[in-house]
Amino acid sequence: GLPSLQEVLSPERKESERARREKDGEVIKPGDRLEDHVEDVQAAMAAVQKRMLKYDGSLLQYRMDEKGFLMICAFGLPGKTHEDGPVRGVRAALSIRNALKSEGQRVCIGVTTGQLFC
C-alpha cells in the first residue's frame, strides 16, 4: 500500500529520495547555480514552446525548485479549444519527452485531464 504521511516525511525517506535523484542523474541538484544550466533550460523551454505551438496548447507556468525545473502546460483554454484536446496534450507530452531525451536531458512528465481553474 501507500506509505503513511509520517513515513513520507521521515528524514530517512528524504535522504533516500535525494540519493535516488543523484543516482538517476538529475540535471539540476539542490544548491546548483542556475548559470551552470542555462543551455539545458533554454533547450527545454524551446522544445516546450515549439510543441505548444504545434498542438495549440498553452505554457502556463515555469519555475525552479529543489527538484529541478517545472513547466505546466494546458490544452483547451478559451480560444484554443479542440474536441481532441486530451489527445493533443498526450501527443505534446510524448513529443516533448522524445525531444529532450534525444538531447540527453532527464525528463519526467505527468498528464491529467479535467477542469482547470486558472
C-alpha atoms as a PDB file:
ATOM      1  CA  GLY A   1       0.000   0.000   0.000  1.00  0.00           C
ATOM      2  CA  LEU A   2       0.866   3.652   0.138  1.00  0.00           C
ATOM      3  CA  PRO A   3       3.280   4.900   2.817  1.00  0.00           C
ATOM      4  CA  SER A   4       1.910   6.872   5.746  1.00  0.00           C
ATOM      5  CA  LEU A   5       2.477  10.623   5.968  1.00  0.00           C
ATOM      6  CA  GLN A   6       4.940  10.016   8.816  1.00  0.00           C
ATOM      7  CA  GLU A   7       6.958   7.663   6.588  1.00  0.00           C
ATOM      8  CA  VAL A   8       6.929  10.131   3.692  1.00  0.00           C
ATOM      9  CA  LEU A   9       8.189  12.964   5.901  1.00  0.00           C
ATOM     10  CA  SER A  10      10.848  10.934   7.707  1.00  0.00           C
ATOM     11  CA  PRO A  11      14.494  12.067   7.401  1.00  0.00           C
ATOM     12  CA  GLU A  12      15.441   8.594   6.154  1.00  0.00           C
ATOM     13  CA  ARG A  13      12.923   8.805   3.315  1.00  0.00           C
ATOM     14  CA  LYS A  14      14.127  12.280   2.320  1.00  0.00           C
ATOM     15  CA  GLU A  15      17.751  11.093   2.281  1.00  0.00           C
ATOM     16  CA  SER A  16      16.756   8.048   0.240  1.00  0.00           C
ATOM     17  CA  GLU A  17      14.949  10.262  -2.302  1.00  0.00           C
ATOM     18  CA  ARG A  18      17.956  12.601  -2.524  1.00  0.00           C
ATOM     19  CA  ALA A  19      20.274   9.655  -3.152  1.00  0.00           C
ATOM     20  CA  ARG A  20      17.907   8.255  -5.800  1.00  0.00           C
ATOM     21  CA  ARG A  21      17.754  11.593  -7.616  1.00  0.00           C
ATOM     22  CA  GLU A  22      21.544  11.857  -7.607  1.00  0.00           C
ATOM     23  CA  LYS A  23      21.904   8.259  -8.838  1.00  0.00           C
ATOM     24  CA  ASP A  24      19.362   8.854 -11.613  1.00  0.00           C
ATOM     25  CA  GLY A  25      21.433  11.781 -12.866  1.00  0.00           C
ATOM     26  CA  GLU A  26      19.041  14.606 -12.127  1.00  0.00           C
ATOM     27  CA  VAL A  27      20.093  17.571 -14.238  1.00  0.00           C
ATOM     28  CA  ILE A  28      19.579  20.235 -11.564  1.00  0.00           C
ATOM     29  CA  LYS A  29      20.553  19.435  -7.989  1.00  0.00           C
ATOM     30  CA  PRO A  30      19.800  21.475  -4.880  1.00  0.00           C
ATOM     31  CA  GLY A  31      22.480  24.118  -4.465  1.00  0.00           C
ATOM     32  CA  ASP A  32      23.361  24.155  -8.170  1.00  0.00           C
ATOM     33  CA  ARG A  33      23.694  27.545  -9.767  1.00  0.00           C
ATOM     34  CA  LEU A  34      21.187  28.396 -12.490  1.00  0.00           C
ATOM     35  CA  GLU A  35      24.031  29.811 -14.599  1.00  0.00           C
ATOM     36  CA  ASP A  36      25.510  26.310 -14.890  1.00  0.00           C
ATOM     37  CA  HIS A  37      22.373  25.034 -16.643  1.00  0.00           C
ATOM     38  CA  VAL A  38      21.301  27.885 -18.906  1.00  0.00           C
ATOM     39  CA  GLU A  39      21.753  25.868 -22.124  1.00  0.00           C
ATOM     40  CA  ASP A  40      19.718  22.932 -20.785  1.00  0.00           C
ATOM     41  CA  VAL A  41      16.963  25.238 -19.570  1.00  0.00           C
ATOM     42  CA  GLN A  42      16.884  27.095 -22.891  1.00  0.00           C
ATOM     43  CA  ALA A  43      16.677  23.826 -24.842  1.00  0.00           C
ATOM     44  CA  ALA A  44      13.802  22.626 -22.649  1.00  0.00           C
ATOM     45  CA  MET A  45      11.936  25.926 -22.986  1.00  0.00           C
ATOM     46  CA  ALA A  46      12.384  25.910 -26.778  1.00  0.00           C
ATOM     47  CA  ALA A  47      11.160  22.298 -27.024  1.00  0.00           C
ATOM     48  CA  VAL A  48       8.054  23.031 -24.952  1.00  0.00           C
ATOM     49  CA  GLN A  49       7.234  26.255 -26.789  1.00  0.00           C
ATOM     50  CA  LYS A  50       7.577  24.523 -30.169  1.00  0.00           C
ATOM     51  CA  ARG A  51       5.173  21.742 -29.117  1.00  0.00           C
ATOM     52  CA  MET A  52       2.678  24.166 -27.579  1.00  0.00           C
ATOM     53  CA  LEU A  53       2.523  25.980 -30.916  1.00  0.00           C
ATOM     54  CA  LYS A  54       2.244  22.739 -32.892  1.00  0.00           C
ATOM     55  CA  TYR A  55      -0.522  21.236 -30.724  1.00  0.00           C
ATOM     56  CA  ASP A  56      -2.227  24.576 -29.838  1.00  0.00           C
ATOM     57  CA  GLY A  57      -1.551  24.364 -26.123  1.00  0.00           C
ATOM     58  CA  SER A  58      -0.574  26.996 -23.557  1.00  0.00           C
ATOM     59  CA  LEU A  59       2.505  27.196 -21.344  1.00  0.00           C
ATOM     60  CA  LEU A  60       1.006  28.402 -18.057  1.00  0.00           C
ATOM     61  CA  GLN A  61       3.855  28.267 -15.598  1.00  0.00           C
ATOM     62  CA  TYR A  62       7.595  27.826 -15.418  1.00  0.00           C
ATOM     63  CA  ARG A  63       9.516  27.542 -12.170  1.00  0.00           C
ATOM     64  CA  MET A  64      12.510  26.002 -10.446  1.00  0.00           C
ATOM     65  CA  ASP A  65      12.517  24.329  -7.060  1.00  0.00           C
ATOM     66  CA  GLU A  66      14.731  21.854  -5.214  1.00  0.00           C
ATOM     67  CA  LYS A  67      13.725  19.078  -7.619  1.00  0.00           C
ATOM     68  CA  GLY A  68      14.598  20.973 -10.804  1.00  0.00           C
ATOM     69  CA  PHE A  69      12.661  22.877 -13.424  1.00  0.00           C
ATOM     70  CA  LEU A  70       8.932  22.537 -13.927  1.00  0.00           C
ATOM     71  CA  MET A  71       6.720  23.671 -16.792  1.00  0.00           C
ATOM     72  CA  ILE A  72       2.939  23.445 -16.599  1.00  0.00           C
ATOM     73  CA  CYS A  73       1.016  23.393 -19.866  1.00  0.00           C
ATOM     74  CA  ALA A  74      -2.707  23.233 -20.594  1.00  0.00           C
ATOM     75  CA  PHE A  75      -4.934  22.422 -23.537  1.00  0.00           C
ATOM     76  CA  GLY A  76      -8.474  23.610 -24.203  1.00  0.00           C
ATOM     77  CA  LEU A  77      -8.256  27.090 -22.712  1.00  0.00           C
ATOM     78  CA  PRO A  78     -10.690  29.673 -24.142  1.00  0.00           C
ATOM     79  CA  GLY A  79      -9.746  30.465 -27.723  1.00  0.00           C
ATOM     80  CA  LYS A  80      -7.812  27.211 -28.044  1.00  0.00           C
ATOM     81  CA  THR A  81     -10.476  24.543 -27.653  1.00  0.00           C
ATOM     82  CA  HIS A  82     -10.482  21.376 -29.730  1.00  0.00           C
ATOM     83  CA  GLU A  83     -12.562  18.215 -29.478  1.00  0.00           C
ATOM     84  CA  ASP A  84      -9.341  16.220 -29.276  1.00  0.00           C
ATOM     85  CA  GLY A  85      -7.754  18.381 -26.555  1.00  0.00           C
ATOM     86  CA  PRO A  86      -6.706  15.432 -24.341  1.00  0.00           C
ATOM     87  CA  VAL A  87      -5.150  13.665 -27.332  1.00  0.00           C
ATOM     88  CA  ARG A  88      -3.253  16.830 -28.230  1.00  0.00           C
ATOM     89  CA  GLY A  89      -1.957  17.018 -24.664  1.00  0.00           C
ATOM     90  CA  VAL A  90      -0.679  13.452 -24.689  1.00  0.00           C
ATOM     91  CA  ARG A  91       0.912  13.868 -28.115  1.00  0.00           C
ATOM     92  CA  ALA A  92       2.606  17.085 -26.995  1.00  0.00           C
ATOM     93  CA  ALA A  93       3.891  15.391 -23.830  1.00  0.00           C
ATOM     94  CA  LEU A  94       5.348  12.476 -25.803  1.00  0.00           C
ATOM     95  CA  SER A  95       6.901  14.822 -28.337  1.00  0.00           C
ATOM     96  CA  ILE A  96       8.480  16.953 -25.589  1.00  0.00           C
ATOM     97  CA  ARG A  97       9.823  13.845 -23.864  1.00  0.00           C
ATOM     98  CA  ASN A  98      11.329  12.496 -27.068  1.00  0.00           C
ATOM     99  CA  ALA A  99      12.914  15.834 -27.980  1.00  0.00           C
ATOM    100  CA  LEU A 100      14.540  16.341 -24.584  1.00  0.00           C
ATOM    101  CA  LYS A 101      15.685  12.731 -24.214  1.00  0.00           C
ATOM    102  CA  SER A 102      17.349  12.940 -27.633  1.00  0.00           C
ATOM    103  CA  GLU A 103      19.355  15.879 -26.236  1.00  0.00           C
ATOM    104  CA  GLY A 104      20.435  13.799 -23.242  1.00  0.00           C
ATOM    105  CA  GLN A 105      18.202  15.522 -20.705  1.00  0.00           C
ATOM    106  CA  ARG A 106      16.358  13.691 -17.939  1.00  0.00           C
ATOM    107  CA  VAL A 107      12.609  14.152 -18.353  1.00  0.00           C
ATOM    108  CA  CYS A 108       9.611  13.408 -16.136  1.00  0.00           C
ATOM    109  CA  ILE A 109       6.150  14.208 -17.481  1.00  0.00           C
ATOM    110  CA  GLY A 110       2.716  13.838 -15.929  1.00  0.00           C
ATOM    111  CA  VAL A 111      -0.587  14.150 -17.789  1.00  0.00           C
ATOM    112  CA  THR A 112      -4.034  14.643 -16.282  1.00  0.00           C
ATOM    113  CA  THR A 113      -7.485  15.579 -17.543  1.00  0.00           C
ATOM    114  CA  GLY A 114     -10.344  17.507 -16.030  1.00  0.00           C
ATOM    115  CA  GLN A 115     -11.496  21.016 -15.224  1.00  0.00           C
ATOM    116  CA  LEU A 116      -8.707  23.613 -14.977  1.00  0.00           C
ATOM    117  CA  PHE A 117      -9.217  26.637 -12.757  1.00  0.00           C
ATOM    118  CA  CYS A 118      -6.837  29.488 -13.549  1.00  0.00           C
END
